[in-house]
Amino acid sequence: DLFGVKDDVELANVELSNAVSALKN
């Protein structure tokens, strides 16, 4: 929000614990 990209970024509905596998895939 502070750096003006809030509305242009898609937030993933994934638990942070799954971040690495989601990044790899």
PDB file of all heavy atoms in Angstrom:
ATOM      1  N   ASP A   1       0.832  -1.204   0.000  1.00  0.00           N
ATOM      2  CA  ASP A   1       0.000   0.000   0.000  1.00  0.00           C
ATOM      3  C   ASP A   1       0.869   1.256   0.000  1.00  0.00           C
ATOM      4  O   ASP A   1       0.645   2.191  -0.782  1.00  0.00           O
ATOM      5  CB  ASP A   1      -0.910  -0.027   1.232  1.00  0.00           C
ATOM      6  CG  ASP A   1      -1.938   1.091   1.234  1.00  0.00           C
ATOM      7  OD1 ASP A   1      -2.266   1.614   0.152  1.00  0.00           O
ATOM      8  OD2 ASP A   1      -2.420   1.458   2.329  1.00  0.00           O
ATOM      9  N   LEU A   2       1.892   1.274   0.840  1.00  0.00           N
ATOM     10  CA  LEU A   2       2.761   2.434   0.985  1.00  0.00           C
ATOM     11  C   LEU A   2       3.451   2.811  -0.325  1.00  0.00           C
ATOM     12  O   LEU A   2       3.597   3.998  -0.644  1.00  0.00           O
ATOM     13  CB  LEU A   2       3.814   2.137   2.065  1.00  0.00           C
ATOM     14  CG  LEU A   2       4.814   3.241   2.426  1.00  0.00           C
ATOM     15  CD1 LEU A   2       4.088   4.450   3.003  1.00  0.00           C
ATOM     16  CD2 LEU A   2       5.837   2.709   3.433  1.00  0.00           C
ATOM     17  N   PHE A   3       3.833   1.801  -1.097  1.00  0.00           N
ATOM     18  CA  PHE A   3       4.587   2.065  -2.328  1.00  0.00           C
ATOM     19  C   PHE A   3       3.730   1.976  -3.593  1.00  0.00           C
ATOM     20  O   PHE A   3       4.232   1.827  -4.700  1.00  0.00           O
ATOM     21  CB  PHE A   3       5.802   1.157  -2.396  1.00  0.00           C
ATOM     22  CG  PHE A   3       6.741   1.364  -1.236  1.00  0.00           C
ATOM     23  CD1 PHE A   3       6.991   0.354  -0.327  1.00  0.00           C
ATOM     24  CD2 PHE A   3       7.339   2.607  -1.017  1.00  0.00           C
ATOM     25  CE1 PHE A   3       7.832   0.552   0.759  1.00  0.00           C
ATOM     26  CE2 PHE A   3       8.179   2.815   0.068  1.00  0.00           C
ATOM     27  CZ  PHE A   3       8.427   1.791   0.966  1.00  0.00           C
ATOM     28  N   GLY A   4       2.398   2.057  -3.381  1.00  0.00           N
ATOM     29  CA  GLY A   4       1.466   2.260  -4.487  1.00  0.00           C
ATOM     30  C   GLY A   4       1.221   1.109  -5.428  1.00  0.00           C
ATOM     31  O   GLY A   4       0.832   1.315  -6.580  1.00  0.00           O
ATOM     32  N   VAL A   5       1.431  -0.124  -4.966  1.00  0.00           N
ATOM     33  CA  VAL A   5       1.198  -1.266  -5.859  1.00  0.00           C
ATOM     34  C   VAL A   5       0.123  -2.218  -5.322  1.00  0.00           C
ATOM     35  O   VAL A   5      -0.101  -3.284  -5.907  1.00  0.00           O
ATOM     36  CB  VAL A   5       2.517  -2.041  -6.107  1.00  0.00           C
ATOM     37  CG1 VAL A   5       3.534  -1.156  -6.806  1.00  0.00           C
ATOM     38  CG2 VAL A   5       3.097  -2.595  -4.811  1.00  0.00           C
ATOM     39  N   LYS A   6      -0.534  -1.815  -4.255  1.00  0.00           N
ATOM     40  CA  LYS A   6      -1.519  -2.677  -3.598  1.00  0.00           C
ATOM     41  C   LYS A   6      -2.568  -3.224  -4.567  1.00  0.00           C
ATOM     42  O   LYS A   6      -2.904  -4.416  -4.541  1.00  0.00           O
ATOM     43  CB  LYS A   6      -2.201  -1.899  -2.473  1.00  0.00           C
ATOM     44  CG  LYS A   6      -3.343  -2.626  -1.787  1.00  0.00           C
ATOM     45  CD  LYS A   6      -3.999  -1.735  -0.742  1.00  0.00           C
ATOM     46  CE  LYS A   6      -5.205  -2.416  -0.126  1.00  0.00           C
ATOM     47  NZ  LYS A   6      -5.896  -1.523   0.853  1.00  0.00           N
ATOM     48  N   ASP A   7      -3.111  -2.352  -5.423  1.00  0.00           N
ATOM     49  CA  ASP A   7      -4.202  -2.755  -6.316  1.00  0.00           C
ATOM     50  C   ASP A   7      -3.719  -3.470  -7.565  1.00  0.00           C
ATOM     51  O   ASP A   7      -4.533  -3.947  -8.369  1.00  0.00           O
ATOM     52  CB  ASP A   7      -5.021  -1.522  -6.725  1.00  0.00           C
ATOM     53  CG  ASP A   7      -5.702  -0.855  -5.532  1.00  0.00           C
ATOM     54  OD1 ASP A   7      -6.039  -1.584  -4.572  1.00  0.00           O
ATOM     55  OD2 ASP A   7      -5.903   0.379  -5.561  1.00  0.00           O
ATOM     56  N   ASP A   8      -2.400  -3.546  -7.740  1.00  0.00           N
ATOM     57  CA  ASP A   8      -1.847  -4.158  -8.953  1.00  0.00           C
ATOM     58  C   ASP A   8      -1.174  -5.494  -8.682  1.00  0.00           C
ATOM     59  O   ASP A   8      -0.600  -6.104  -9.589  1.00  0.00           O
ATOM     60  CB  ASP A   8      -0.830  -3.202  -9.594  1.00  0.00           C
ATOM     61  CG  ASP A   8      -1.460  -1.876  -9.981  1.00  0.00           C
ATOM     62  OD1 ASP A   8      -2.397  -1.882 -10.794  1.00  0.00           O
ATOM     63  OD2 ASP A   8      -1.014  -0.843  -9.438  1.00  0.00           O
ATOM     64  N   VAL A   9      -1.231  -5.927  -7.421  1.00  0.00           N
ATOM     65  CA  VAL A   9      -0.622  -7.202  -7.046  1.00  0.00           C
ATOM     66  C   VAL A   9      -1.718  -8.193  -6.694  1.00  0.00           C
ATOM     67  O   VAL A   9      -2.652  -7.862  -5.954  1.00  0.00           O
ATOM     68  CB  VAL A   9       0.333  -7.028  -5.840  1.00  0.00           C
ATOM     69  CG1 VAL A   9       0.804  -8.382  -5.331  1.00  0.00           C
ATOM     70  CG2 VAL A   9       1.525  -6.168  -6.216  1.00  0.00           C
ATOM     71  N   GLU A  10      -1.615  -9.396  -7.225  1.00  0.00           N
ATOM     72  CA  GLU A  10      -2.572 -10.454  -6.881  1.00  0.00           C
ATOM     73  C   GLU A  10      -2.036 -11.203  -5.658  1.00  0.00           C
ATOM     74  O   GLU A  10      -0.935 -11.744  -5.683  1.00  0.00           O
ATOM     75  CB  GLU A  10      -2.752 -11.432  -8.046  1.00  0.00           C
ATOM     76  CG  GLU A  10      -3.749 -12.535  -7.743  1.00  0.00           C
ATOM     77  CD  GLU A  10      -3.878 -13.561  -8.854  1.00  0.00           C
ATOM     78  OE1 GLU A  10      -3.230 -13.370  -9.916  1.00  0.00           O
ATOM     79  OE2 GLU A  10      -4.595 -14.562  -8.656  1.00  0.00           O
ATOM     80  N   LEU A  11      -2.830 -11.193  -4.583  1.00  0.00           N
ATOM     81  CA  LEU A  11      -2.406 -11.880  -3.367  1.00  0.00           C
ATOM     82  C   LEU A  11      -2.855 -13.334  -3.420  1.00  0.00           C
ATOM     83  O   LEU A  11      -4.038 -13.629  -3.612  1.00  0.00           O
ATOM     84  CB  LEU A  11      -2.995 -11.187  -2.132  1.00  0.00           C
ATOM     85  CG  LEU A  11      -2.511  -9.752  -1.875  1.00  0.00           C
ATOM     86  CD1 LEU A  11      -3.139  -9.211  -0.591  1.00  0.00           C
ATOM     87  CD2 LEU A  11      -0.993  -9.679  -1.785  1.00  0.00           C
ATOM     88  N   ALA A  12      -1.916 -14.224  -3.246  1.00  0.00           N
ATOM     89  CA  ALA A  12      -2.206 -15.662  -3.310  1.00  0.00           C
ATOM     90  C   ALA A  12      -2.906 -16.125  -2.046  1.00  0.00           C
ATOM     91  O   ALA A  12      -2.510 -15.765  -0.934  1.00  0.00           O
ATOM     92  CB  ALA A  12      -0.918 -16.442  -3.517  1.00  0.00           C
ATOM     93  N   ASN A  13      -3.930 -16.931  -2.214  1.00  0.00           N
ATOM     94  CA  ASN A  13      -4.661 -17.472  -1.075  1.00  0.00           C
ATOM     95  C   ASN A  13      -4.064 -18.826  -0.678  1.00  0.00           C
ATOM     96  O   ASN A  13      -4.677 -19.879  -0.823  1.00  0.00           O
ATOM     97  CB  ASN A  13      -6.148 -17.615  -1.423  1.00  0.00           C
ATOM     98  CG  ASN A  13      -6.990 -18.003  -0.209  1.00  0.00           C
ATOM     99  OD1 ASN A  13      -6.589 -17.754   0.930  1.00  0.00           O
ATOM    100  ND2 ASN A  13      -8.133 -18.620  -0.453  1.00  0.00           N
ATOM    101  N   VAL A  14      -2.837 -18.764  -0.220  1.00  0.00           N
ATOM    102  CA  VAL A  14      -2.088 -19.957   0.159  1.00  0.00           C
ATOM    103  C   VAL A  14      -1.436 -19.704   1.507  1.00  0.00           C
ATOM    104  O   VAL A  14      -1.035 -18.579   1.813  1.00  0.00           O
ATOM    105  CB  VAL A  14      -0.982 -20.272  -0.893  1.00  0.00           C
ATOM    106  CG1 VAL A  14      -0.228 -21.542  -0.518  1.00  0.00           C
ATOM    107  CG2 VAL A  14      -1.584 -20.387  -2.282  1.00  0.00           C
ATOM    108  N   GLU A  15      -1.351 -20.737   2.335  1.00  0.00           N
ATOM    109  CA  GLU A  15      -0.694 -20.587   3.629  1.00  0.00           C
ATOM    110  C   GLU A  15       0.803 -20.350   3.418  1.00  0.00           C
ATOM    111  O   GLU A  15       1.411 -20.934   2.504  1.00  0.00           O
ATOM    112  CB  GLU A  15      -0.900 -21.841   4.486  1.00  0.00           C
ATOM    113  CG  GLU A  15      -2.327 -22.071   4.950  1.00  0.00           C
ATOM    114  CD  GLU A  15      -2.806 -21.000   5.902  1.00  0.00           C
ATOM    115  OE1 GLU A  15      -1.971 -20.470   6.665  1.00  0.00           O
ATOM    116  OE2 GLU A  15      -4.017 -20.685   5.885  1.00  0.00           O
ATOM    117  N   LEU A  16       1.392 -19.518   4.277  1.00  0.00           N
ATOM    118  CA  LEU A  16       2.815 -19.215   4.147  1.00  0.00           C
ATOM    119  C   LEU A  16       3.666 -20.472   4.272  1.00  0.00           C
ATOM    120  O   LEU A  16       4.747 -20.566   3.682  1.00  0.00           O
ATOM    121  CB  LEU A  16       3.228 -18.186   5.205  1.00  0.00           C
ATOM    122  CG  LEU A  16       4.649 -17.623   5.080  1.00  0.00           C
ATOM    123  CD1 LEU A  16       4.843 -16.929   3.735  1.00  0.00           C
ATOM    124  CD2 LEU A  16       4.941 -16.654   6.225  1.00  0.00           C
ATOM    125  N   SER A  17       3.170 -21.451   5.015  1.00  0.00           N
ATOM    126  CA  SER A  17       3.923 -22.702   5.173  1.00  0.00           C
ATOM    127  C   SER A  17       4.085 -23.441   3.838  1.00  0.00           C
ATOM    128  O   SER A  17       4.956 -24.303   3.696  1.00  0.00           O
ATOM    129  CB  SER A  17       3.224 -23.616   6.189  1.00  0.00           C
ATOM    130  OG  SER A  17       1.889 -23.890   5.786  1.00  0.00           O
ATOM    131  N   ASN A  18       3.249 -23.094   2.853  1.00  0.00           N
ATOM    132  CA  ASN A  18       3.333 -23.726   1.533  1.00  0.00           C
ATOM    133  C   ASN A  18       4.039 -22.845   0.510  1.00  0.00           C
ATOM    134  O   ASN A  18       3.993 -23.128  -0.698  1.00  0.00           O
ATOM    135  CB  ASN A  18       1.913 -24.055   1.022  1.00  0.00           C
ATOM    136  CG  ASN A  18       1.205 -25.061   1.904  1.00  0.00           C
ATOM    137  OD1 ASN A  18       1.830 -25.996   2.417  1.00  0.00           O
ATOM    138  ND2 ASN A  18      -0.087 -24.886   2.099  1.00  0.00           N
ATOM    139  N   ALA A  19       4.686 -21.780   0.971  1.00  0.00           N
ATOM    140  CA  ALA A  19       5.284 -20.799   0.065  1.00  0.00           C
ATOM    141  C   ALA A  19       6.342 -21.410  -0.846  1.00  0.00           C
ATOM    142  O   ALA A  19       6.380 -21.141  -2.050  1.00  0.00           O
ATOM    143  CB  ALA A  19       5.885 -19.651   0.871  1.00  0.00           C
ATOM    144  N   VAL A  20       7.214 -22.232  -0.291  1.00  0.00           N
ATOM    145  CA  VAL A  20       8.316 -22.773  -1.080  1.00  0.00           C
ATOM    146  C   VAL A  20       7.797 -23.677  -2.196  1.00  0.00           C
ATOM    147  O   VAL A  20       8.210 -23.562  -3.359  1.00  0.00           O
ATOM    148  CB  VAL A  20       9.316 -23.525  -0.186  1.00  0.00           C
ATOM    149  CG1 VAL A  20      10.407 -24.180  -1.041  1.00  0.00           C
ATOM    150  CG2 VAL A  20       9.955 -22.568   0.815  1.00  0.00           C
ATOM    151  N   SER A  21       6.882 -24.586  -1.865  1.00  0.00           N
ATOM    152  CA  SER A  21       6.349 -25.486  -2.893  1.00  0.00           C
ATOM    153  C   SER A  21       5.567 -24.702  -3.944  1.00  0.00           C
ATOM    154  O   SER A  21       5.645 -25.012  -5.140  1.00  0.00           O
ATOM    155  CB  SER A  21       5.461 -26.569  -2.260  1.00  0.00           C
ATOM    156  OG  SER A  21       4.373 -25.981  -1.554  1.00  0.00           O
ATOM    157  N   ALA A  22       4.819 -23.667  -3.517  1.00  0.00           N
ATOM    158  CA  ALA A  22       4.064 -22.843  -4.464  1.00  0.00           C
ATOM    159  C   ALA A  22       5.007 -22.084  -5.396  1.00  0.00           C
ATOM    160  O   ALA A  22       4.726 -21.914  -6.584  1.00  0.00           O
ATOM    161  CB  ALA A  22       3.159 -21.873  -3.711  1.00  0.00           C
ATOM    162  N   LEU A  23       6.145 -21.647  -4.857  1.00  0.00           N
ATOM    163  CA  LEU A  23       7.128 -20.933  -5.670  1.00  0.00           C
ATOM    164  C   LEU A  23       7.762 -21.891  -6.686  1.00  0.00           C
ATOM    165  O   LEU A  23       7.915 -21.554  -7.865  1.00  0.00           O
ATOM    166  CB  LEU A  23       8.207 -20.330  -4.761  1.00  0.00           C
ATOM    167  CG  LEU A  23       9.147 -19.305  -5.393  1.00  0.00           C
ATOM    168  CD1 LEU A  23       8.410 -18.001  -5.652  1.00  0.00           C
ATOM    169  CD2 LEU A  23      10.349 -19.043  -4.486  1.00  0.00           C
ATOM    170  N   LYS A  24       8.125 -23.078  -6.247  1.00  0.00           N
ATOM    171  CA  LYS A  24       8.739 -24.075  -7.122  1.00  0.00           C
ATOM    172  C   LYS A  24       7.792 -24.491  -8.240  1.00  0.00           C
ATOM    173  O   LYS A  24       8.214 -24.692  -9.382  1.00  0.00           O
ATOM    174  CB  LYS A  24       9.136 -25.309  -6.299  1.00  0.00           C
ATOM    175  CG  LYS A  24      10.343 -25.110  -5.403  1.00  0.00           C
ATOM    176  CD  LYS A  24      10.515 -26.276  -4.447  1.00  0.00           C
ATOM    177  CE  LYS A  24      10.740 -27.588  -5.174  1.00  0.00           C
ATOM    178  NZ  LYS A  24      10.959 -28.705  -4.205  1.00  0.00           N
ATOM    179  N   ASN A  25       6.499 -24.604  -7.898  1.00  0.00           N
ATOM    180  CA  ASN A  25       5.519 -25.073  -8.882  1.00  0.00           C
ATOM    181  C   ASN A  25       5.013 -23.968  -9.798  1.00  0.00           C
ATOM    182  O   ASN A  25       4.176 -24.227 -10.670  1.00  0.00           O
ATOM    183  CB  ASN A  25       4.321 -25.717  -8.157  1.00  0.00           C
ATOM    184  CG  ASN A  25       4.727 -26.957  -7.375  1.00  0.00           C
ATOM    185  OD1 ASN A  25       5.703 -27.606  -7.713  1.00  0.00           O
ATOM    186  ND2 ASN A  25       3.985 -27.268  -6.324  1.00  0.00           N
TER     187      ASN A  25
END
